[in-house]
Amino acid sequence: MVRQLPPLRAARAFEAAARHCSFSQAGKELCLSAGAVSHQVRLLEAWVGAPLFERSHNSLQLTAHGHELLPVLRAAFDTLAEGAADVRNDTTGRRVRLAVYPNFAMNWLVPRLPRLREKLPDVELEVLTISEPLGTLFNRADLAVRVYENAPQYSFDFLFAAELFPVGSPSDDPEGKTRRDPAALLQLPLLHLTHSPEDWRLWLQAAGVRDPQPQAAMWFDSQAVMIQAVSQGLGIALARSPFDEGAVASGYLRVLHPLRVSCKHGWYVITPRTMRRGRASAVRDWLLSQRALVPDPGD
């Protein structure tokens, strides 16, 4: 018997749009424009023969037909994801794919991998340093470590909150002026992260500097590259614990003031809600067990 299936791409777009109540947010998840998501939804509406959304300028609401269809599609996608994951696990055996950013991999994960090998000797870990949106990331990965996003189809387990603190090269501020007066940091070249441009202002305010106006000497889109620039004497920057603790302990960086300010976004272990118990969940549990340990694995 030939199944009369709805267009699957359109069904996926509808499910994401209904979950977010937004074509633009669904587009971010699916790596599509809002217009493309809207077009896919209209294709599904044409197949169903009825509107699935009530559209207005500022809101998107499911119609009665949309409410009826959504749980059917959600259950079907969950079943498909679970079944495909089971087949994938059978074919890949011991391998677990963990998606992280390069800085996290180098400065947090890799120093702890000997513990993982000792704890889970039957796991073959594949570390993926990729930055795809969550909507497509799990086509390649079993779990990930990132900052929190509004994505209810995934589970977010808190791992740690990073802290900001100012660092320079070993030759910066030999007289310790910045430890006594944090405003003295403004006299040095400040290095900034492009994706976190308010860090210096927030730290200086927390340190009691009134109306700080930090001027950037250079901008970087990578924390690791920025820290390398600090070590070369190009300026000072806000280090992030626990990522940069090793560089401080080794003398690669010099702490210019003891105050630490928590970042706005914590780091989470992210897994699909449909993930079953197995090697991937064992890696998740191991990652979460590391939050109770000291930040610097060399201590």
C-alpha atoms as a PDB file:
ATOM      1  CA  MET A   1       0.000   0.000   0.000  1.00  0.00           C
ATOM      2  CA  VAL A   2       1.330   3.421  -0.941  1.00  0.00           C
ATOM      3  CA  ARG A   3       1.371   5.721   2.086  1.00  0.00           C
ATOM      4  CA  GLN A   4      -0.149   9.156   1.640  1.00  0.00           C
ATOM      5  CA  LEU A   5       2.537  11.049   3.531  1.00  0.00           C
ATOM      6  CA  PRO A   6       2.642  14.814   3.903  1.00  0.00           C
ATOM      7  CA  PRO A   7       5.662  16.606   2.413  1.00  0.00           C
ATOM      8  CA  LEU A   8       8.257  15.857   5.103  1.00  0.00           C
ATOM      9  CA  ARG A   9      10.288  19.041   4.718  1.00  0.00           C
ATOM     10  CA  ALA A  10       7.110  21.071   5.069  1.00  0.00           C
ATOM     11  CA  ALA A  11       6.029  18.972   8.062  1.00  0.00           C
ATOM     12  CA  ARG A  12       9.362  19.615   9.773  1.00  0.00           C
ATOM     13  CA  ALA A  13       9.052  23.361   9.146  1.00  0.00           C
ATOM     14  CA  PHE A  14       5.524  23.366  10.583  1.00  0.00           C
ATOM     15  CA  GLU A  15       6.578  21.438  13.710  1.00  0.00           C
ATOM     16  CA  ALA A  16       9.439  23.857  14.390  1.00  0.00           C
ATOM     17  CA  ALA A  17       7.282  26.939  13.742  1.00  0.00           C
ATOM     18  CA  ALA A  18       4.533  25.605  16.024  1.00  0.00           C
ATOM     19  CA  ARG A  19       7.052  24.876  18.783  1.00  0.00           C
ATOM     20  CA  HIS A  20       8.575  28.353  18.621  1.00  0.00           C
ATOM     21  CA  CYS A  21       5.367  30.203  17.613  1.00  0.00           C
ATOM     22  CA  SER A  22       7.667  31.997  15.194  1.00  0.00           C
ATOM     23  CA  PHE A  23       8.769  31.519  11.597  1.00  0.00           C
ATOM     24  CA  SER A  24      12.030  33.385  12.251  1.00  0.00           C
ATOM     25  CA  GLN A  25      12.987  31.227  15.267  1.00  0.00           C
ATOM     26  CA  ALA A  26      12.089  28.081  13.354  1.00  0.00           C
ATOM     27  CA  GLY A  27      14.257  29.347  10.514  1.00  0.00           C
ATOM     28  CA  LYS A  28      17.235  29.751  12.846  1.00  0.00           C
ATOM     29  CA  GLU A  29      16.801  26.163  14.005  1.00  0.00           C
ATOM     30  CA  LEU A  30      16.481  24.792  10.481  1.00  0.00           C
ATOM     31  CA  CYS A  31      19.028  27.146   8.839  1.00  0.00           C
ATOM     32  CA  LEU A  32      16.305  28.688   6.663  1.00  0.00           C
ATOM     33  CA  SER A  33      14.932  32.177   6.238  1.00  0.00           C
ATOM     34  CA  ALA A  34      11.615  33.041   7.873  1.00  0.00           C
ATOM     35  CA  GLY A  35      10.134  33.364   4.387  1.00  0.00           C
ATOM     36  CA  ALA A  36      11.299  29.872   3.458  1.00  0.00           C
ATOM     37  CA  VAL A  37       9.698  28.419   6.597  1.00  0.00           C
ATOM     38  CA  SER A  38       6.459  30.268   5.841  1.00  0.00           C
ATOM     39  CA  HIS A  39       6.520  28.886   2.300  1.00  0.00           C
ATOM     40  CA  GLN A  40       6.988  25.320   3.556  1.00  0.00           C
ATOM     41  CA  VAL A  41       4.109  25.747   6.001  1.00  0.00           C
ATOM     42  CA  ARG A  42       1.842  26.949   3.193  1.00  0.00           C
ATOM     43  CA  LEU A  43       2.753  23.822   1.201  1.00  0.00           C
ATOM     44  CA  LEU A  44       1.653  21.702   4.142  1.00  0.00           C
ATOM     45  CA  GLU A  45      -1.536  23.741   4.530  1.00  0.00           C
ATOM     46  CA  ALA A  46      -2.275  23.114   0.861  1.00  0.00           C
ATOM     47  CA  TRP A  47      -1.738  19.381   1.382  1.00  0.00           C
ATOM     48  CA  VAL A  48      -3.971  19.364   4.484  1.00  0.00           C
ATOM     49  CA  GLY A  49      -6.545  21.557   2.824  1.00  0.00           C
ATOM     50  CA  ALA A  50      -6.931  23.931   5.765  1.00  0.00           C
ATOM     51  CA  PRO A  51      -4.994  26.715   7.534  1.00  0.00           C
ATOM     52  CA  LEU A  52      -2.710  25.521  10.330  1.00  0.00           C
ATOM     53  CA  PHE A  53      -1.831  28.965  11.704  1.00  0.00           C
ATOM     54  CA  GLU A  54      -3.667  32.174  12.367  1.00  0.00           C
ATOM     55  CA  ARG A  55      -1.216  34.829  11.221  1.00  0.00           C
ATOM     56  CA  SER A  56      -1.009  38.422  12.408  1.00  0.00           C
ATOM     57  CA  HIS A  57       1.702  41.065  12.386  1.00  0.00           C
ATOM     58  CA  ASN A  58       2.940  40.238  15.889  1.00  0.00           C
ATOM     59  CA  SER A  59       1.825  36.689  16.608  1.00  0.00           C
ATOM     60  CA  LEU A  60       1.436  33.208  15.238  1.00  0.00           C
ATOM     61  CA  GLN A  61      -1.293  30.978  16.686  1.00  0.00           C
ATOM     62  CA  LEU A  62      -2.259  27.414  15.835  1.00  0.00           C
ATOM     63  CA  THR A  63      -5.700  26.812  14.402  1.00  0.00           C
ATOM     64  CA  ALA A  64      -7.807  23.835  15.504  1.00  0.00           C
ATOM     65  CA  HIS A  65      -6.342  21.819  12.622  1.00  0.00           C
ATOM     66  CA  GLY A  66      -2.840  22.888  13.660  1.00  0.00           C
ATOM     67  CA  HIS A  67      -3.440  21.763  17.248  1.00  0.00           C
ATOM     68  CA  GLU A  68      -4.669  18.419  15.941  1.00  0.00           C
ATOM     69  CA  LEU A  69      -1.730  17.859  13.607  1.00  0.00           C
ATOM     70  CA  LEU A  70       1.132  19.021  15.856  1.00  0.00           C
ATOM     71  CA  PRO A  71       1.199  16.097  18.365  1.00  0.00           C
ATOM     72  CA  VAL A  72       0.898  13.606  15.511  1.00  0.00           C
ATOM     73  CA  LEU A  73       3.939  15.018  13.728  1.00  0.00           C
ATOM     74  CA  ARG A  74       5.906  15.456  16.959  1.00  0.00           C
ATOM     75  CA  ALA A  75       5.360  11.799  17.916  1.00  0.00           C
ATOM     76  CA  ALA A  76       6.289  10.689  14.405  1.00  0.00           C
ATOM     77  CA  PHE A  77       9.521  12.708  14.414  1.00  0.00           C
ATOM     78  CA  ASP A  78      10.419  11.426  17.899  1.00  0.00           C
ATOM     79  CA  THR A  79       9.872   7.832  16.781  1.00  0.00           C
ATOM     80  CA  LEU A  80      11.930   8.418  13.644  1.00  0.00           C
ATOM     81  CA  ALA A  81      14.759  10.018  15.629  1.00  0.00           C
ATOM     82  CA  GLU A  82      14.829   7.205  18.202  1.00  0.00           C
ATOM     83  CA  GLY A  83      14.755   4.451  15.601  1.00  0.00           C
ATOM     84  CA  ALA A  84      17.419   6.072  13.439  1.00  0.00           C
ATOM     85  CA  ALA A  85      19.611   6.599  16.532  1.00  0.00           C
ATOM     86  CA  ASP A  86      19.306   2.912  17.415  1.00  0.00           C
ATOM     87  CA  VAL A  87      20.394   1.885  13.908  1.00  0.00           C
ATOM     88  CA  ARG A  88      23.197   4.447  13.974  1.00  0.00           C
ATOM     89  CA  ASN A  89      24.439   3.136  17.317  1.00  0.00           C
ATOM     90  CA  ASP A  90      24.392  -0.415  15.985  1.00  0.00           C
ATOM     91  CA  THR A  91      26.530   0.570  13.001  1.00  0.00           C
ATOM     92  CA  THR A  92      28.981   2.833  14.834  1.00  0.00           C
ATOM     93  CA  GLY A  93      29.438   0.592  17.871  1.00  0.00           C
ATOM     94  CA  ARG A  94      31.393   2.279  20.647  1.00  0.00           C
ATOM     95  CA  ARG A  95      31.614   5.753  19.097  1.00  0.00           C
ATOM     96  CA  VAL A  96      30.006   8.780  20.773  1.00  0.00           C
ATOM     97  CA  ARG A  97      30.107  12.152  18.998  1.00  0.00           C
ATOM     98  CA  LEU A  98      30.520  15.203  21.238  1.00  0.00           C
ATOM     99  CA  ALA A  99      30.188  18.676  19.676  1.00  0.00           C
ATOM    100  CA  VAL A 100      32.071  21.517  21.401  1.00  0.00           C
ATOM    101  CA  TYR A 101      33.706  24.813  20.524  1.00  0.00           C
ATOM    102  CA  PRO A 102      37.503  24.742  19.942  1.00  0.00           C
ATOM    103  CA  ASN A 103      38.338  26.802  23.062  1.00  0.00           C
ATOM    104  CA  PHE A 104      36.271  24.468  25.242  1.00  0.00           C
ATOM    105  CA  ALA A 105      37.932  21.440  23.657  1.00  0.00           C
ATOM    106  CA  MET A 106      41.481  22.699  24.125  1.00  0.00           C
ATOM    107  CA  ASN A 107      41.250  24.233  27.575  1.00  0.00           C
ATOM    108  CA  TRP A 108      38.575  22.228  29.394  1.00  0.00           C
ATOM    109  CA  LEU A 109      37.837  18.928  27.686  1.00  0.00           C
ATOM    110  CA  VAL A 110      41.211  17.623  26.488  1.00  0.00           C
ATOM    111  CA  PRO A 111      42.939  17.920  29.910  1.00  0.00           C
ATOM    112  CA  ARG A 112      40.120  15.792  31.362  1.00  0.00           C
ATOM    113  CA  LEU A 113      40.021  13.101  28.678  1.00  0.00           C
ATOM    114  CA  PRO A 114      42.330  10.740  30.611  1.00  0.00           C
ATOM    115  CA  ARG A 115      39.614  10.638  33.295  1.00  0.00           C
ATOM    116  CA  LEU A 116      37.016   9.781  30.672  1.00  0.00           C
ATOM    117  CA  ARG A 117      39.149   6.974  29.253  1.00  0.00           C
ATOM    118  CA  GLU A 118      39.641   5.572  32.743  1.00  0.00           C
ATOM    119  CA  LYS A 119      35.956   5.841  33.645  1.00  0.00           C
ATOM    120  CA  LEU A 120      34.476   4.707  30.303  1.00  0.00           C
ATOM    121  CA  PRO A 121      37.054   2.469  28.600  1.00  0.00           C
ATOM    122  CA  ASP A 122      34.480   1.038  26.158  1.00  0.00           C
ATOM    123  CA  VAL A 123      33.596   4.469  24.720  1.00  0.00           C
ATOM    124  CA  GLU A 124      35.244   5.677  21.527  1.00  0.00           C
ATOM    125  CA  LEU A 125      34.820   9.463  21.749  1.00  0.00           C
ATOM    126  CA  GLU A 126      34.768  11.626  18.626  1.00  0.00           C
ATOM    127  CA  VAL A 127      35.253  15.326  19.424  1.00  0.00           C
ATOM    128  CA  LEU A 128      33.633  17.624  16.858  1.00  0.00           C
ATOM    129  CA  THR A 129      34.685  21.300  16.969  1.00  0.00           C
ATOM    130  CA  ILE A 130      31.776  22.668  14.963  1.00  0.00           C
ATOM    131  CA  SER A 131      29.479  25.660  15.376  1.00  0.00           C
ATOM    132  CA  GLU A 132      26.319  24.606  13.532  1.00  0.00           C
ATOM    133  CA  PRO A 133      22.893  25.636  14.876  1.00  0.00           C
ATOM    134  CA  LEU A 134      21.300  23.125  17.227  1.00  0.00           C
ATOM    135  CA  GLY A 135      18.643  22.342  14.641  1.00  0.00           C
ATOM    136  CA  THR A 136      21.220  20.657  12.383  1.00  0.00           C
ATOM    137  CA  LEU A 137      23.992  19.941  14.881  1.00  0.00           C
ATOM    138  CA  PHE A 138      22.463  16.688  16.065  1.00  0.00           C
ATOM    139  CA  ASN A 139      22.497  15.281  12.553  1.00  0.00           C
ATOM    140  CA  ARG A 140      26.215  14.808  13.251  1.00  0.00           C
ATOM    141  CA  ALA A 141      26.519  14.783  17.057  1.00  0.00           C
ATOM    142  CA  ASP A 142      25.046  12.735  19.902  1.00  0.00           C
ATOM    143  CA  LEU A 143      25.497  15.469  22.516  1.00  0.00           C
ATOM    144  CA  ALA A 144      27.017  18.935  22.823  1.00  0.00           C
ATOM    145  CA  VAL A 145      28.357  21.459  25.325  1.00  0.00           C
ATOM    146  CA  ARG A 146      27.274  25.052  24.721  1.00  0.00           C
ATOM    147  CA  VAL A 147      25.587  28.024  26.322  1.00  0.00           C
ATOM    148  CA  TYR A 148      21.833  27.889  26.887  1.00  0.00           C
ATOM    149  CA  GLU A 149      19.355  28.422  24.057  1.00  0.00           C
ATOM    150  CA  ASN A 150      15.568  28.392  23.992  1.00  0.00           C
ATOM    151  CA  ALA A 151      15.129  24.977  22.364  1.00  0.00           C
ATOM    152  CA  PRO A 152      12.572  22.842  24.247  1.00  0.00           C
ATOM    153  CA  GLN A 153      13.237  19.725  22.179  1.00  0.00           C
ATOM    154  CA  TYR A 154      16.608  19.402  23.937  1.00  0.00           C
ATOM    155  CA  SER A 155      17.622  18.827  27.546  1.00  0.00           C
ATOM    156  CA  PHE A 156      20.033  21.388  29.055  1.00  0.00           C
ATOM    157  CA  ASP A 157      22.006  20.196  32.094  1.00  0.00           C
ATOM    158  CA  PHE A 158      24.030  22.940  33.793  1.00  0.00           C
ATOM    159  CA  LEU A 159      27.785  22.322  33.755  1.00  0.00           C
ATOM    160  CA  PHE A 160      29.418  25.532  35.010  1.00  0.00           C
ATOM    161  CA  ALA A 161      29.302  29.322  34.904  1.00  0.00           C
ATOM    162  CA  ALA A 162      32.394  30.982  33.491  1.00  0.00           C
ATOM    163  CA  GLU A 163      33.944  33.966  35.287  1.00  0.00           C
ATOM    164  CA  LEU A 164      35.725  36.992  33.812  1.00  0.00           C
ATOM    165  CA  PHE A 165      38.971  38.369  35.244  1.00  0.00           C
ATOM    166  CA  PRO A 166      41.596  40.708  33.712  1.00  0.00           C
ATOM    167  CA  VAL A 167      44.928  39.313  32.558  1.00  0.00           C
ATOM    168  CA  GLY A 168      48.018  40.592  30.809  1.00  0.00           C
ATOM    169  CA  SER A 169      51.364  39.248  29.739  1.00  0.00           C
ATOM    170  CA  PRO A 170      53.921  38.500  32.494  1.00  0.00           C
ATOM    171  CA  SER A 171      55.543  41.900  31.849  1.00  0.00           C
ATOM    172  CA  ASP A 172      52.324  43.961  32.178  1.00  0.00           C
ATOM    173  CA  ASP A 173      51.864  46.217  35.245  1.00  0.00           C
ATOM    174  CA  PRO A 174      54.987  45.138  37.170  1.00  0.00           C
ATOM    175  CA  GLU A 175      54.217  47.616  39.968  1.00  0.00           C
ATOM    176  CA  GLY A 176      50.729  46.209  40.565  1.00  0.00           C
ATOM    177  CA  LYS A 177      48.854  49.498  40.029  1.00  0.00           C
ATOM    178  CA  THR A 178      45.814  47.756  38.542  1.00  0.00           C
ATOM    179  CA  ARG A 179      45.380  45.618  41.661  1.00  0.00           C
ATOM    180  CA  ARG A 180      45.063  48.778  43.753  1.00  0.00           C
ATOM    181  CA  ASP A 181      43.054  50.788  41.234  1.00  0.00           C
ATOM    182  CA  PRO A 182      41.042  48.897  38.577  1.00  0.00           C
ATOM    183  CA  ALA A 183      40.521  52.173  36.675  1.00  0.00           C
ATOM    184  CA  ALA A 184      44.234  51.974  35.804  1.00  0.00           C
ATOM    185  CA  LEU A 185      43.329  49.144  33.406  1.00  0.00           C
ATOM    186  CA  LEU A 186      41.824  51.773  31.109  1.00  0.00           C
ATOM    187  CA  GLN A 187      45.324  53.137  30.502  1.00  0.00           C
ATOM    188  CA  LEU A 188      46.359  49.853  28.863  1.00  0.00           C
ATOM    189  CA  PRO A 189      45.345  48.533  25.390  1.00  0.00           C
ATOM    190  CA  LEU A 190      42.100  46.594  25.849  1.00  0.00           C
ATOM    191  CA  LEU A 191      41.384  43.550  23.695  1.00  0.00           C
ATOM    192  CA  HIS A 192      37.704  42.703  23.075  1.00  0.00           C
ATOM    193  CA  LEU A 193      35.634  39.727  21.878  1.00  0.00           C
ATOM    194  CA  THR A 194      33.329  40.535  18.985  1.00  0.00           C
ATOM    195  CA  HIS A 195      30.542  38.246  20.242  1.00  0.00           C
ATOM    196  CA  SER A 196      30.708  39.618  23.798  1.00  0.00           C
ATOM    197  CA  PRO A 197      31.410  43.350  23.388  1.00  0.00           C
ATOM    198  CA  GLU A 198      30.092  44.460  26.796  1.00  0.00           C
ATOM    199  CA  ASP A 199      32.441  42.318  28.897  1.00  0.00           C
ATOM    200  CA  TRP A 200      34.902  45.076  29.780  1.00  0.00           C
ATOM    201  CA  ARG A 201      32.214  47.582  30.693  1.00  0.00           C
ATOM    202  CA  LEU A 202      30.417  45.046  32.904  1.00  0.00           C
ATOM    203  CA  TRP A 203      33.625  44.011  34.662  1.00  0.00           C
ATOM    204  CA  LEU A 204      34.751  47.614  35.261  1.00  0.00           C
ATOM    205  CA  GLN A 205      31.348  48.530  36.678  1.00  0.00           C
ATOM    206  CA  ALA A 206      31.502  45.543  39.032  1.00  0.00           C
ATOM    207  CA  ALA A 207      34.970  46.716  40.093  1.00  0.00           C
ATOM    208  CA  GLY A 208      33.557  50.112  41.081  1.00  0.00           C
ATOM    209  CA  VAL A 209      34.795  52.158  38.145  1.00  0.00           C
ATOM    210  CA  ARG A 210      32.235  54.917  37.563  1.00  0.00           C
ATOM    211  CA  ASP A 211      30.865  55.346  34.043  1.00  0.00           C
ATOM    212  CA  PRO A 212      33.611  53.310  32.339  1.00  0.00           C
ATOM    213  CA  GLN A 213      34.178  53.969  28.654  1.00  0.00           C
ATOM    214  CA  PRO A 214      36.538  51.186  27.581  1.00  0.00           C
ATOM    215  CA  GLN A 215      38.080  51.708  24.157  1.00  0.00           C
ATOM    216  CA  ALA A 216      39.062  48.651  22.131  1.00  0.00           C
ATOM    217  CA  ALA A 217      42.615  48.391  20.847  1.00  0.00           C
ATOM    218  CA  MET A 218      41.783  45.201  18.905  1.00  0.00           C
ATOM    219  CA  TRP A 219      38.828  42.858  18.356  1.00  0.00           C
ATOM    220  CA  PHE A 220      38.883  39.057  18.137  1.00  0.00           C
ATOM    221  CA  ASP A 221      36.220  36.459  17.396  1.00  0.00           C
ATOM    222  CA  SER A 222      38.096  33.757  19.327  1.00  0.00           C
ATOM    223  CA  GLN A 223      38.904  33.701  23.041  1.00  0.00           C
ATOM    224  CA  ALA A 224      41.925  31.460  22.431  1.00  0.00           C
ATOM    225  CA  VAL A 225      43.385  33.786  19.776  1.00  0.00           C
ATOM    226  CA  MET A 226      42.781  36.808  22.004  1.00  0.00           C
ATOM    227  CA  ILE A 227      44.639  35.163  24.880  1.00  0.00           C
ATOM    228  CA  GLN A 228      47.521  34.382  22.517  1.00  0.00           C
ATOM    229  CA  ALA A 229      47.609  38.079  21.594  1.00  0.00           C
ATOM    230  CA  VAL A 230      47.788  38.973  25.310  1.00  0.00           C
ATOM    231  CA  SER A 231      50.788  36.691  25.768  1.00  0.00           C
ATOM    232  CA  GLN A 232      52.520  38.507  22.896  1.00  0.00           C
ATOM    233  CA  GLY A 233      52.114  41.857  24.661  1.00  0.00           C
ATOM    234  CA  LEU A 234      49.467  43.268  22.318  1.00  0.00           C
ATOM    235  CA  GLY A 235      47.189  44.291  25.162  1.00  0.00           C
ATOM    236  CA  ILE A 236      45.199  43.028  28.135  1.00  0.00           C
ATOM    237  CA  ALA A 237      41.982  41.003  28.057  1.00  0.00           C
ATOM    238  CA  LEU A 238      39.331  39.403  30.204  1.00  0.00           C
ATOM    239  CA  ALA A 239      40.204  35.766  30.735  1.00  0.00           C
ATOM    240  CA  ARG A 240      37.483  33.200  31.313  1.00  0.00           C
ATOM    241  CA  SER A 241      37.596  30.599  34.013  1.00  0.00           C
ATOM    242  CA  PRO A 242      37.874  27.686  33.854  1.00  0.00           C
ATOM    243  CA  PHE A 243      39.239  27.888  30.304  1.00  0.00           C
ATOM    244  CA  ASP A 244      42.244  30.115  31.005  1.00  0.00           C
ATOM    245  CA  GLU A 245      43.202  28.838  34.467  1.00  0.00           C
ATOM    246  CA  GLY A 246      45.980  26.659  33.065  1.00  0.00           C
ATOM    247  CA  ALA A 247      47.621  29.605  31.300  1.00  0.00           C
ATOM    248  CA  VAL A 248      47.594  31.562  34.578  1.00  0.00           C
ATOM    249  CA  ALA A 249      49.002  28.658  36.592  1.00  0.00           C
ATOM    250  CA  SER A 250      51.826  28.145  34.081  1.00  0.00           C
ATOM    251  CA  GLY A 251      52.829  31.830  34.152  1.00  0.00           C
ATOM    252  CA  TYR A 252      51.672  32.371  30.567  1.00  0.00           C
ATOM    253  CA  LEU A 253      49.241  35.030  31.807  1.00  0.00           C
ATOM    254  CA  ARG A 254      49.381  37.446  34.724  1.00  0.00           C
ATOM    255  CA  VAL A 255      46.232  38.253  36.725  1.00  0.00           C
ATOM    256  CA  LEU A 256      45.919  42.045  36.929  1.00  0.00           C
ATOM    257  CA  HIS A 257      43.101  42.248  39.484  1.00  0.00           C
ATOM    258  CA  PRO A 258      41.575  39.542  41.732  1.00  0.00           C
ATOM    259  CA  LEU A 259      37.911  40.395  41.071  1.00  0.00           C
ATOM    260  CA  ARG A 260      35.986  37.756  39.135  1.00  0.00           C
ATOM    261  CA  VAL A 261      32.615  38.488  37.564  1.00  0.00           C
ATOM    262  CA  SER A 262      30.236  35.752  36.437  1.00  0.00           C
ATOM    263  CA  CYS A 263      29.356  35.653  32.751  1.00  0.00           C
ATOM    264  CA  LYS A 264      25.708  36.091  31.834  1.00  0.00           C
ATOM    265  CA  HIS A 265      25.538  32.701  30.137  1.00  0.00           C
ATOM    266  CA  GLY A 266      26.432  29.379  31.738  1.00  0.00           C
ATOM    267  CA  TRP A 267      27.611  26.275  29.923  1.00  0.00           C
ATOM    268  CA  TYR A 268      25.318  23.270  29.546  1.00  0.00           C
ATOM    269  CA  VAL A 269      25.495  19.674  28.388  1.00  0.00           C
ATOM    270  CA  ILE A 270      22.844  19.445  25.667  1.00  0.00           C
ATOM    271  CA  THR A 271      21.136  16.246  24.547  1.00  0.00           C
ATOM    272  CA  PRO A 272      18.001  15.449  22.544  1.00  0.00           C
ATOM    273  CA  ARG A 273      15.064  14.708  24.833  1.00  0.00           C
ATOM    274  CA  THR A 274      14.560  11.487  22.888  1.00  0.00           C
ATOM    275  CA  MET A 275      18.044  10.170  23.759  1.00  0.00           C
ATOM    276  CA  ARG A 276      17.949   6.742  25.385  1.00  0.00           C
ATOM    277  CA  ARG A 277      20.287   5.274  27.958  1.00  0.00           C
ATOM    278  CA  GLY A 278      23.528   4.115  26.394  1.00  0.00           C
ATOM    279  CA  ARG A 279      27.088   5.224  25.770  1.00  0.00           C
ATOM    280  CA  ALA A 280      26.080   8.801  24.884  1.00  0.00           C
ATOM    281  CA  SER A 281      24.142   9.195  28.127  1.00  0.00           C
ATOM    282  CA  ALA A 282      27.130   7.728  30.002  1.00  0.00           C
ATOM    283  CA  VAL A 283      29.345  10.452  28.492  1.00  0.00           C
ATOM    284  CA  ARG A 284      26.765  13.064  29.517  1.00  0.00           C
ATOM    285  CA  ASP A 285      26.796  11.734  33.086  1.00  0.00           C
ATOM    286  CA  TRP A 286      30.605  11.804  33.126  1.00  0.00           C
ATOM    287  CA  LEU A 287      30.666  15.404  31.890  1.00  0.00           C
ATOM    288  CA  LEU A 288      28.251  16.437  34.632  1.00  0.00           C
ATOM    289  CA  SER A 289      30.362  14.654  37.240  1.00  0.00           C
ATOM    290  CA  GLN A 290      33.273  16.982  36.378  1.00  0.00           C
ATOM    291  CA  ARG A 291      31.436  20.067  37.657  1.00  0.00           C
ATOM    292  CA  ALA A 292      32.139  18.970  41.229  1.00  0.00           C
ATOM    293  CA  LEU A 293      35.897  18.932  40.607  1.00  0.00           C
ATOM    294  CA  VAL A 294      38.441  21.738  40.800  1.00  0.00           C
ATOM    295  CA  PRO A 295      38.632  23.944  37.670  1.00  0.00           C
ATOM    296  CA  ASP A 296      42.273  23.208  36.886  1.00  0.00           C
ATOM    297  CA  PRO A 297      42.779  19.459  36.222  1.00  0.00           C
ATOM    298  CA  GLY A 298      46.480  19.890  36.783  1.00  0.00           C
ATOM    299  CA  ASP A 299      45.982  20.761  40.453  1.00  0.00           C
END
